[in-house]
């Protein structure tokens, strides 16, 4: 089965999911979206209000920020790779996803990563980082390349970045975020 068909199959399954409390309050699930076949995947946190209304990732203030910052670096966020939220439904009042909600969505994330087989994974925030590197602390690894191995899709390069909302609010994080982006799309060497 091709990547697009497999991602569509997972999206249909996500649409019918009732494995956690978030299904009861969502408008639309947000399976992910973006460019397929680039070898680059962004792993974010969870949908916000705008994403919940439209079923697509990073449409609100964080998405506009990403579009602008990538454009300033001469890149297109939405054309560079595929965006996967760790949690596919909006937590009420944009609260942090709870461990059981993250666990309920994990099989979907794993299936999507298996279909995409990324060469580069950019995590956007601590939930994305913990999905790809459990227990890692964001601050010491932010903006650095790490060669990682995943049992599902093999070797890849990981570039942890803060969540765009943090980069928007805090000048120190914005500078580190932009410096990290400048390392894309080329890791030190192919894994």
Protein backbone atom coordinates (compact mmCIF):
# COMPACT_ATOMS: atom_id res chain seq x y z
CA UNK A 1 0.00 0.00 0.00
CA UNK A 2 1.33 3.45 -0.88
CA UNK A 3 2.08 6.14 1.66
CA UNK A 4 -0.91 8.33 0.78
CA UNK A 5 -3.34 5.40 0.91
CA UNK A 6 -1.92 4.23 4.23
CA UNK A 7 -2.17 7.73 5.72
CA UNK A 8 -5.77 7.95 4.47
CA UNK A 9 -6.55 4.61 6.12
CA UNK A 10 -5.11 5.81 9.44
CA UNK A 11 -7.05 9.08 9.13
CA UNK A 12 -10.32 7.17 8.70
CA UNK A 13 -9.53 5.12 11.80
CA UNK A 14 -8.73 8.30 13.74
CA UNK A 15 -12.06 9.76 12.64
CA UNK A 16 -13.91 6.89 14.31
CA UNK A 17 -11.76 6.74 17.43
CA UNK A 18 -13.44 6.96 20.84
CA UNK A 19 -10.52 5.58 22.88
CA UNK A 20 -10.27 8.61 25.19
CA UNK A 21 -12.35 11.49 26.58
CA UNK A 22 -11.21 13.90 23.84
CA UNK A 23 -13.45 12.25 21.24
CA UNK A 24 -16.53 13.50 23.11
CA UNK A 25 -15.56 17.17 22.81
CA UNK A 26 -13.85 17.38 19.42
CA UNK A 27 -15.37 18.98 16.35
CA UNK A 28 -12.95 17.28 13.94
CA UNK A 29 -9.93 15.11 14.61
CA UNK A 30 -6.62 16.31 13.19
CA UNK A 31 -4.72 13.33 11.81
CA UNK A 32 -2.03 15.50 10.20
CA UNK A 33 -1.23 16.95 6.83
CA UNK A 34 1.40 18.38 4.56
CA UNK A 35 3.85 17.24 1.94
CA UNK A 36 4.32 13.50 1.50
CA UNK A 37 7.56 12.03 0.22
CA UNK A 38 9.95 14.73 1.42
CA UNK A 39 11.52 12.55 4.13
CA UNK A 40 10.75 15.26 6.71
CA UNK A 41 8.13 15.03 9.45
CA UNK A 42 7.17 17.61 12.06
CA UNK A 43 5.75 16.17 15.29
CA UNK A 44 3.68 18.68 17.26
CA UNK A 45 1.48 18.58 20.34
CA UNK A 46 -2.29 18.71 19.89
CA UNK A 47 -4.88 20.64 17.89
CA UNK A 48 -6.13 24.03 19.05
CA UNK A 49 -9.47 25.69 18.32
CA UNK A 50 -8.78 26.51 14.65
CA UNK A 51 -7.39 23.05 13.94
CA UNK A 52 -10.37 21.43 15.68
CA UNK A 53 -12.75 23.43 13.49
CA UNK A 54 -11.01 22.56 10.19
CA UNK A 55 -9.32 19.21 10.85
CA UNK A 56 -5.86 20.38 9.75
CA UNK A 57 -2.69 21.08 11.79
CA UNK A 58 -1.18 24.47 12.69
CA UNK A 59 -3.85 26.85 11.42
CA UNK A 60 -4.00 29.27 14.36
CA UNK A 61 -1.44 31.74 15.69
CA UNK A 62 1.29 29.09 15.95
CA UNK A 63 0.73 28.06 12.34
CA UNK A 64 0.88 31.65 11.11
CA UNK A 65 4.08 32.11 13.09
CA UNK A 66 5.58 28.97 11.51
CA UNK A 67 4.58 30.10 8.02
CA UNK A 68 6.20 33.51 8.60
CA UNK A 69 9.42 32.26 10.23
CA UNK A 70 9.95 29.58 7.61
CA UNK A 71 9.33 32.13 4.84
CA UNK A 72 11.91 34.45 6.42
CA UNK A 73 14.38 31.54 6.23
CA UNK A 74 13.51 30.97 2.56
CA UNK A 75 11.47 27.81 3.21
CA UNK A 76 7.82 26.77 3.17
CA UNK A 77 6.68 25.00 6.33
CA UNK A 78 3.71 23.39 4.63
CA UNK A 79 5.69 22.15 1.62
CA UNK A 80 8.75 20.89 3.51
CA UNK A 81 7.20 17.94 5.27
CA UNK A 82 4.28 16.21 6.87
CA UNK A 83 2.89 17.49 10.20
CA UNK A 84 1.73 14.99 12.82
CA UNK A 85 0.15 15.99 16.12
CA UNK A 86 0.89 13.60 18.98
CA UNK A 87 -2.73 13.89 20.12
CA UNK A 88 -5.28 13.98 17.31
CA UNK A 89 -8.17 15.72 19.13
CA UNK A 90 -8.25 19.10 20.87
CA UNK A 91 -7.88 19.03 24.64
CA UNK A 92 -10.51 21.30 26.25
CA UNK A 93 -9.36 24.90 26.71
CA UNK A 94 -6.06 23.94 25.02
CA UNK A 95 -4.81 22.24 28.18
CA UNK A 96 -1.83 19.89 27.97
CA UNK A 97 -2.68 16.40 26.74
CA UNK A 98 -2.93 13.89 29.56
CA UNK A 99 -0.82 10.71 29.58
CA UNK A 100 -3.80 8.45 28.80
CA UNK A 101 -4.74 10.67 25.84
CA UNK A 102 -1.19 10.53 24.49
CA UNK A 103 -1.21 6.73 24.96
CA UNK A 104 -4.57 6.40 23.17
CA UNK A 105 -3.20 8.23 20.12
CA UNK A 106 0.23 6.55 20.08
CA UNK A 107 -0.78 3.70 17.73
CA UNK A 108 -1.94 6.29 15.18
CA UNK A 109 1.33 8.21 15.40
CA UNK A 110 3.29 4.96 15.03
CA UNK A 111 1.26 3.91 11.99
CA UNK A 112 1.74 7.33 10.37
CA UNK A 113 5.49 7.29 11.02
CA UNK A 114 5.69 3.76 9.60
CA UNK A 115 3.92 4.95 6.44
CA UNK A 116 6.05 8.08 6.06
CA UNK A 117 9.42 6.51 7.05
CA UNK A 118 11.00 9.92 7.70
CA UNK A 119 14.70 10.59 7.36
CA UNK A 120 14.34 13.74 9.50
CA UNK A 121 11.94 14.37 12.40
CA UNK A 122 11.57 17.89 13.79
CA UNK A 123 9.75 17.97 17.10
CA UNK A 124 7.81 21.09 18.00
CA UNK A 125 7.61 21.24 21.80
CA UNK A 126 8.07 18.83 24.65
CA UNK A 127 5.16 16.53 23.75
CA UNK A 128 6.59 15.97 20.29
CA UNK A 129 10.05 15.44 21.77
CA UNK A 130 8.77 12.95 24.36
CA UNK A 131 6.96 11.02 21.64
CA UNK A 132 10.23 10.56 19.78
CA UNK A 133 12.66 10.52 22.72
CA UNK A 134 10.95 9.62 26.00
CA UNK A 135 12.41 11.37 29.02
CA UNK A 136 14.53 13.88 27.08
CA UNK A 137 14.58 17.44 28.38
CA UNK A 138 14.00 20.07 25.72
CA UNK A 139 16.33 22.84 26.82
CA UNK A 140 19.66 20.96 26.57
CA UNK A 141 18.83 19.31 23.22
CA UNK A 142 17.01 22.21 21.55
CA UNK A 143 18.21 22.97 18.03
CA UNK A 144 20.79 20.15 17.90
CA UNK A 145 20.88 17.15 15.57
CA UNK A 146 20.63 13.68 17.08
CA UNK A 147 20.87 10.43 15.22
CA UNK A 148 18.15 8.10 16.49
CA UNK A 149 16.84 4.62 15.76
CA UNK A 150 13.16 3.74 15.73
CA UNK A 151 12.05 0.09 15.80
CA UNK A 152 9.25 0.88 13.35
CA UNK A 153 10.90 2.99 10.66
CA UNK A 154 14.65 2.73 11.30
CA UNK A 155 17.40 5.32 11.55
CA UNK A 156 16.63 9.02 11.30
CA UNK A 157 17.84 12.46 12.36
CA UNK A 158 15.99 14.24 15.15
CA UNK A 159 15.95 18.04 15.51
CA UNK A 160 14.11 19.08 18.70
CA UNK A 161 12.65 22.61 18.73
CA UNK A 162 10.43 24.41 21.20
CA UNK A 163 6.74 24.78 20.50
CA UNK A 164 6.01 27.76 18.23
CA UNK A 165 3.80 29.27 20.97
CA UNK A 166 6.85 29.50 23.25
CA UNK A 167 8.92 31.02 20.45
CA UNK A 168 6.22 33.63 19.89
CA UNK A 169 6.06 34.59 23.57
CA UNK A 170 9.70 34.52 24.63
CA UNK A 171 12.44 36.33 22.63
CA UNK A 172 15.14 33.93 23.89
CA UNK A 173 13.21 30.93 22.57
CA UNK A 174 12.36 32.68 19.31
CA UNK A 175 16.05 33.22 18.61
CA UNK A 176 16.88 29.59 19.44
CA UNK A 177 13.92 28.41 17.34
CA UNK A 178 15.07 30.39 14.28
CA UNK A 179 18.66 29.19 14.74
CA UNK A 180 17.37 25.60 14.82
CA UNK A 181 15.31 26.11 11.67
CA UNK A 182 18.35 27.34 9.81
CA UNK A 183 19.77 23.83 10.15
CA UNK A 184 17.04 22.46 7.91
CA UNK A 185 16.77 20.61 5.66
CA UNK A 186 20.25 19.10 5.91
CA UNK A 187 21.43 17.04 8.89
CA UNK A 188 25.17 16.52 9.49
CA UNK A 189 25.20 13.34 7.37
CA UNK A 190 22.69 10.77 6.21
CA UNK A 191 21.79 8.17 8.87
